[in-house]
Amino acid sequence: MKELLNVQDYLFSNFDVGDWEGDEERVAETLNELIHVAWEQIPDDLACEKIDLIINGIWEHLRGDLALVEAEYDELVDWVTHYIQSSLDDNIEL
């Protein structure tokens, strides 16, 4: 039930992302944009626990991945879209 959650609770500051050799702000901004993209794609009636797993999974998959600074934004959006669809299709387990 997406209306019970707030996307703002999932966003990162440049202090949250760790050391990116001066690119912390860029990484946080990109990650936050990807979280917003994911948020829009998640069905409104999905259980809060599954939403939490999906959104937190974005960071789990991308943390430390140079794709956050090297990949084109469109490629990252495509990855998030695929990740969301895959997570929904697999009916992720809690």
N, C-alpha and C. Protein backbone atom coordinates (compact mmCIF):
# COMPACT_ATOMS: atom_id res chain seq x y z
N MET A 1 0.84 -1.18 0.00
CA MET A 1 0.00 0.00 0.00
C MET A 1 0.89 1.25 0.00
N LYS A 2 1.19 1.68 -1.18
CA LYS A 2 2.15 2.76 -1.39
C LYS A 2 1.76 4.05 -0.67
N GLU A 3 0.47 4.29 -0.51
CA GLU A 3 0.05 5.54 0.14
C GLU A 3 0.46 5.60 1.61
N LEU A 4 0.82 4.47 2.19
CA LEU A 4 1.27 4.43 3.59
C LEU A 4 2.75 4.75 3.73
N LEU A 5 3.47 4.81 2.61
CA LEU A 5 4.90 5.08 2.61
C LEU A 5 5.18 6.43 1.96
N ASN A 6 6.39 6.92 2.17
CA ASN A 6 6.80 8.19 1.58
C ASN A 6 8.14 7.98 0.90
N VAL A 7 8.22 8.30 -0.38
CA VAL A 7 9.46 8.12 -1.13
C VAL A 7 10.62 8.87 -0.49
N GLN A 8 10.33 9.98 0.17
CA GLN A 8 11.38 10.77 0.82
C GLN A 8 12.17 9.97 1.85
N ASP A 9 11.52 8.98 2.45
CA ASP A 9 12.18 8.16 3.46
C ASP A 9 13.27 7.27 2.87
N TYR A 10 13.28 7.09 1.57
CA TYR A 10 14.24 6.21 0.91
C TYR A 10 15.41 6.96 0.25
N LEU A 11 15.34 8.27 0.23
CA LEU A 11 16.35 9.05 -0.48
C LEU A 11 17.65 9.18 0.30
N PHE A 12 18.72 9.41 -0.43
CA PHE A 12 20.07 9.46 0.13
C PHE A 12 20.64 10.87 0.07
N SER A 13 21.48 11.19 1.04
CA SER A 13 22.27 12.41 0.97
C SER A 13 23.68 12.01 0.52
N ASN A 14 24.50 12.99 0.21
CA ASN A 14 25.85 12.66 -0.21
C ASN A 14 26.66 12.03 0.93
N PHE A 15 26.19 12.16 2.16
CA PHE A 15 26.87 11.55 3.30
C PHE A 15 26.48 10.08 3.46
N ASP A 16 25.35 9.69 2.90
CA ASP A 16 24.84 8.32 3.04
C ASP A 16 25.48 7.33 2.08
N VAL A 17 26.04 7.80 0.98
CA VAL A 17 26.48 6.89 -0.07
C VAL A 17 27.91 6.38 0.10
N GLY A 18 28.62 6.93 1.05
CA GLY A 18 30.00 6.49 1.26
C GLY A 18 30.98 7.27 0.41
N ASP A 19 32.19 6.76 0.31
CA ASP A 19 33.26 7.45 -0.41
C ASP A 19 33.22 7.12 -1.89
N TRP A 20 33.05 8.14 -2.69
CA TRP A 20 33.05 8.01 -4.15
C TRP A 20 34.09 8.95 -4.75
N GLU A 21 35.16 9.18 -4.02
CA GLU A 21 36.29 10.00 -4.49
C GLU A 21 35.84 11.34 -5.06
N GLY A 22 35.00 12.03 -4.33
CA GLY A 22 34.55 13.35 -4.72
C GLY A 22 33.25 13.37 -5.50
N ASP A 23 32.73 12.23 -5.87
CA ASP A 23 31.48 12.16 -6.64
C ASP A 23 30.28 11.81 -5.77
N GLU A 24 30.38 11.97 -4.47
CA GLU A 24 29.30 11.58 -3.57
C GLU A 24 27.99 12.29 -3.88
N GLU A 25 28.05 13.58 -4.16
CA GLU A 25 26.83 14.33 -4.46
C GLU A 25 26.19 13.82 -5.75
N ARG A 26 26.99 13.59 -6.75
CA ARG A 26 26.49 13.07 -8.03
C ARG A 26 25.86 11.69 -7.85
N VAL A 27 26.51 10.83 -7.08
CA VAL A 27 25.99 9.48 -6.84
C VAL A 27 24.65 9.56 -6.10
N ALA A 28 24.58 10.41 -5.07
CA ALA A 28 23.33 10.55 -4.31
C ALA A 28 22.21 11.08 -5.20
N GLU A 29 22.51 12.07 -6.02
CA GLU A 29 21.49 12.63 -6.92
C GLU A 29 21.00 11.59 -7.92
N THR A 30 21.92 10.85 -8.51
CA THR A 30 21.55 9.82 -9.48
C THR A 30 20.71 8.74 -8.81
N LEU A 31 21.17 8.30 -7.66
CA LEU A 31 20.45 7.26 -6.93
C LEU A 31 19.04 7.74 -6.57
N ASN A 32 18.92 8.96 -6.11
CA ASN A 32 17.60 9.50 -5.75
C ASN A 32 16.69 9.61 -6.97
N GLU A 33 17.24 9.99 -8.11
CA GLU A 33 16.44 10.05 -9.33
C GLU A 33 15.95 8.64 -9.70
N LEU A 34 16.82 7.66 -9.56
CA LEU A 34 16.44 6.28 -9.87
C LEU A 34 15.37 5.77 -8.91
N ILE A 35 15.46 6.17 -7.66
CA ILE A 35 14.44 5.78 -6.68
C ILE A 35 13.09 6.39 -7.06
N HIS A 36 13.10 7.63 -7.52
CA HIS A 36 11.85 8.26 -7.96
C HIS A 36 11.29 7.54 -9.19
N VAL A 37 12.16 7.16 -10.11
CA VAL A 37 11.71 6.41 -11.30
C VAL A 37 11.06 5.11 -10.85
N ALA A 38 11.71 4.40 -9.94
CA ALA A 38 11.18 3.13 -9.44
C ALA A 38 9.85 3.35 -8.73
N TRP A 39 9.78 4.39 -7.93
CA TRP A 39 8.56 4.68 -7.16
C TRP A 39 7.36 4.82 -8.08
N GLU A 40 7.57 5.50 -9.20
CA GLU A 40 6.48 5.71 -10.15
C GLU A 40 6.03 4.39 -10.79
N GLN A 41 6.92 3.43 -10.89
CA GLN A 41 6.60 2.17 -11.55
C GLN A 41 5.99 1.13 -10.61
N ILE A 42 6.13 1.33 -9.33
CA ILE A 42 5.61 0.37 -8.36
C ILE A 42 4.10 0.53 -8.23
N PRO A 43 3.36 -0.57 -8.33
CA PRO A 43 1.90 -0.49 -8.21
C PRO A 43 1.47 0.06 -6.84
N ASP A 44 0.41 0.84 -6.84
CA ASP A 44 -0.09 1.46 -5.61
C ASP A 44 -0.56 0.44 -4.58
N ASP A 45 -0.99 -0.73 -5.03
CA ASP A 45 -1.55 -1.72 -4.11
C ASP A 45 -0.54 -2.77 -3.64
N LEU A 46 0.74 -2.59 -3.96
CA LEU A 46 1.77 -3.54 -3.53
C LEU A 46 1.99 -3.41 -2.02
N ALA A 47 2.21 -4.52 -1.36
CA ALA A 47 2.42 -4.53 0.09
C ALA A 47 3.64 -3.67 0.46
N CYS A 48 3.53 -2.98 1.58
CA CYS A 48 4.60 -2.10 2.05
C CYS A 48 5.92 -2.83 2.18
N GLU A 49 5.89 -4.05 2.65
CA GLU A 49 7.12 -4.82 2.84
C GLU A 49 7.81 -5.09 1.50
N LYS A 50 7.02 -5.36 0.47
CA LYS A 50 7.59 -5.62 -0.85
C LYS A 50 8.13 -4.33 -1.47
N ILE A 51 7.43 -3.24 -1.27
CA ILE A 51 7.93 -1.95 -1.75
C ILE A 51 9.26 -1.65 -1.09
N ASP A 52 9.33 -1.86 0.20
CA ASP A 52 10.55 -1.62 0.95
C ASP A 52 11.70 -2.47 0.40
N LEU A 53 11.44 -3.73 0.15
CA LEU A 53 12.47 -4.62 -0.40
C LEU A 53 12.93 -4.17 -1.78
N ILE A 54 12.00 -3.79 -2.61
CA ILE A 54 12.35 -3.36 -3.96
C ILE A 54 13.18 -2.09 -3.93
N ILE A 55 12.72 -1.08 -3.23
CA ILE A 55 13.44 0.20 -3.20
C ILE A 55 14.81 0.03 -2.55
N ASN A 56 14.88 -0.66 -1.44
CA ASN A 56 16.18 -0.88 -0.79
C ASN A 56 17.09 -1.74 -1.66
N GLY A 57 16.50 -2.61 -2.47
CA GLY A 57 17.28 -3.46 -3.36
C GLY A 57 18.03 -2.67 -4.42
N ILE A 58 17.53 -1.52 -4.79
CA ILE A 58 18.23 -0.69 -5.78
C ILE A 58 19.61 -0.33 -5.25
N TRP A 59 19.67 0.15 -4.03
CA TRP A 59 20.96 0.50 -3.44
C TRP A 59 21.81 -0.76 -3.21
N GLU A 60 21.20 -1.83 -2.78
CA GLU A 60 21.94 -3.07 -2.56
C GLU A 60 22.62 -3.54 -3.85
N HIS A 61 21.96 -3.38 -4.98
CA HIS A 61 22.52 -3.80 -6.25
C HIS A 61 23.55 -2.82 -6.80
N LEU A 62 23.37 -1.54 -6.54
CA LEU A 62 24.22 -0.53 -7.16
C LEU A 62 25.33 0.02 -6.27
N ARG A 63 25.26 -0.24 -4.98
CA ARG A 63 26.28 0.37 -4.11
C ARG A 63 27.66 -0.16 -4.49
N GLY A 64 28.56 0.76 -4.61
CA GLY A 64 29.92 0.42 -5.00
C GLY A 64 30.08 0.14 -6.48
N ASP A 65 29.00 0.19 -7.24
CA ASP A 65 29.06 -0.09 -8.68
C ASP A 65 29.40 1.20 -9.43
N LEU A 66 30.47 1.16 -10.18
CA LEU A 66 30.89 2.35 -10.92
C LEU A 66 29.87 2.79 -11.96
N ALA A 67 28.89 1.96 -12.24
CA ALA A 67 27.84 2.34 -13.18
C ALA A 67 27.16 3.62 -12.73
N LEU A 68 27.10 3.86 -11.43
CA LEU A 68 26.45 5.08 -10.93
C LEU A 68 27.14 6.35 -11.41
N VAL A 69 28.41 6.26 -11.75
CA VAL A 69 29.12 7.44 -12.24
C VAL A 69 29.56 7.31 -13.69
N GLU A 70 29.58 6.09 -14.21
CA GLU A 70 30.08 5.87 -15.57
C GLU A 70 28.99 5.63 -16.61
N ALA A 71 27.88 5.04 -16.21
CA ALA A 71 26.83 4.70 -17.17
C ALA A 71 26.01 5.94 -17.53
N GLU A 72 25.43 5.90 -18.72
CA GLU A 72 24.49 6.94 -19.13
C GLU A 72 23.24 6.83 -18.26
N TYR A 73 22.61 7.95 -18.00
CA TYR A 73 21.41 7.96 -17.16
C TYR A 73 20.32 7.06 -17.73
N ASP A 74 20.15 7.09 -19.06
CA ASP A 74 19.12 6.25 -19.69
C ASP A 74 19.38 4.77 -19.45
N GLU A 75 20.64 4.38 -19.43
CA GLU A 75 20.98 2.98 -19.15
C GLU A 75 20.59 2.60 -17.72
N LEU A 76 20.81 3.52 -16.79
CA LEU A 76 20.45 3.27 -15.40
C LEU A 76 18.93 3.18 -15.24
N VAL A 77 18.21 4.03 -15.94
CA VAL A 77 16.75 3.99 -15.90
C VAL A 77 16.26 2.66 -16.48
N ASP A 78 16.87 2.24 -17.58
CA ASP A 78 16.51 0.94 -18.16
C ASP A 78 16.76 -0.19 -17.17
N TRP A 79 17.90 -0.12 -16.46
CA TRP A 79 18.20 -1.14 -15.46
C TRP A 79 17.14 -1.15 -14.35
N VAL A 80 16.77 0.03 -13.85
CA VAL A 80 15.77 0.12 -12.79
C VAL A 80 14.43 -0.43 -13.28
N THR A 81 14.06 -0.08 -14.49
CA THR A 81 12.80 -0.58 -15.04
C THR A 81 12.82 -2.10 -15.11
N HIS A 82 13.90 -2.65 -15.60
CA HIS A 82 14.03 -4.11 -15.66
C HIS A 82 14.02 -4.71 -14.25
N TYR A 83 14.73 -4.09 -13.33
CA TYR A 83 14.77 -4.58 -11.94
C TYR A 83 13.37 -4.59 -11.31
N ILE A 84 12.63 -3.52 -11.50
CA ILE A 84 11.27 -3.43 -10.94
C ILE A 84 10.39 -4.52 -11.56
N GLN A 85 10.41 -4.63 -12.88
CA GLN A 85 9.58 -5.64 -13.55
C GLN A 85 9.97 -7.04 -13.11
N SER A 86 11.26 -7.29 -13.03
CA SER A 86 11.73 -8.60 -12.60
C SER A 86 11.29 -8.91 -11.17
N SER A 87 11.41 -7.91 -10.30
CA SER A 87 11.01 -8.08 -8.91
C SER A 87 9.51 -8.35 -8.80
N LEU A 88 8.73 -7.66 -9.58
CA LEU A 88 7.28 -7.86 -9.55
C LEU A 88 6.91 -9.21 -10.18
N ASP A 89 7.58 -9.58 -11.27
CA ASP A 89 7.31 -10.85 -11.93
C ASP A 89 7.69 -12.02 -11.06
N ASP A 90 8.80 -11.87 -10.33
CA ASP A 90 9.27 -12.95 -9.46
C ASP A 90 8.49 -13.02 -8.16
N ASN A 91 7.62 -12.00 -7.95
CA ASN A 91 6.84 -11.94 -6.71
C ASN A 91 7.78 -12.16 -5.51
N ILE A 92 8.72 -11.24 -5.37
CA ILE A 92 9.79 -11.37 -4.39
C ILE A 92 9.29 -11.84 -3.04
N GLU A 93 10.08 -12.68 -2.46
CA GLU A 93 9.75 -13.24 -1.15
C GLU A 93 10.22 -12.32 -0.03
N LEU A 94 9.46 -12.29 1.04
CA LEU A 94 9.84 -11.49 2.20
C LEU A 94 10.69 -12.30 3.15
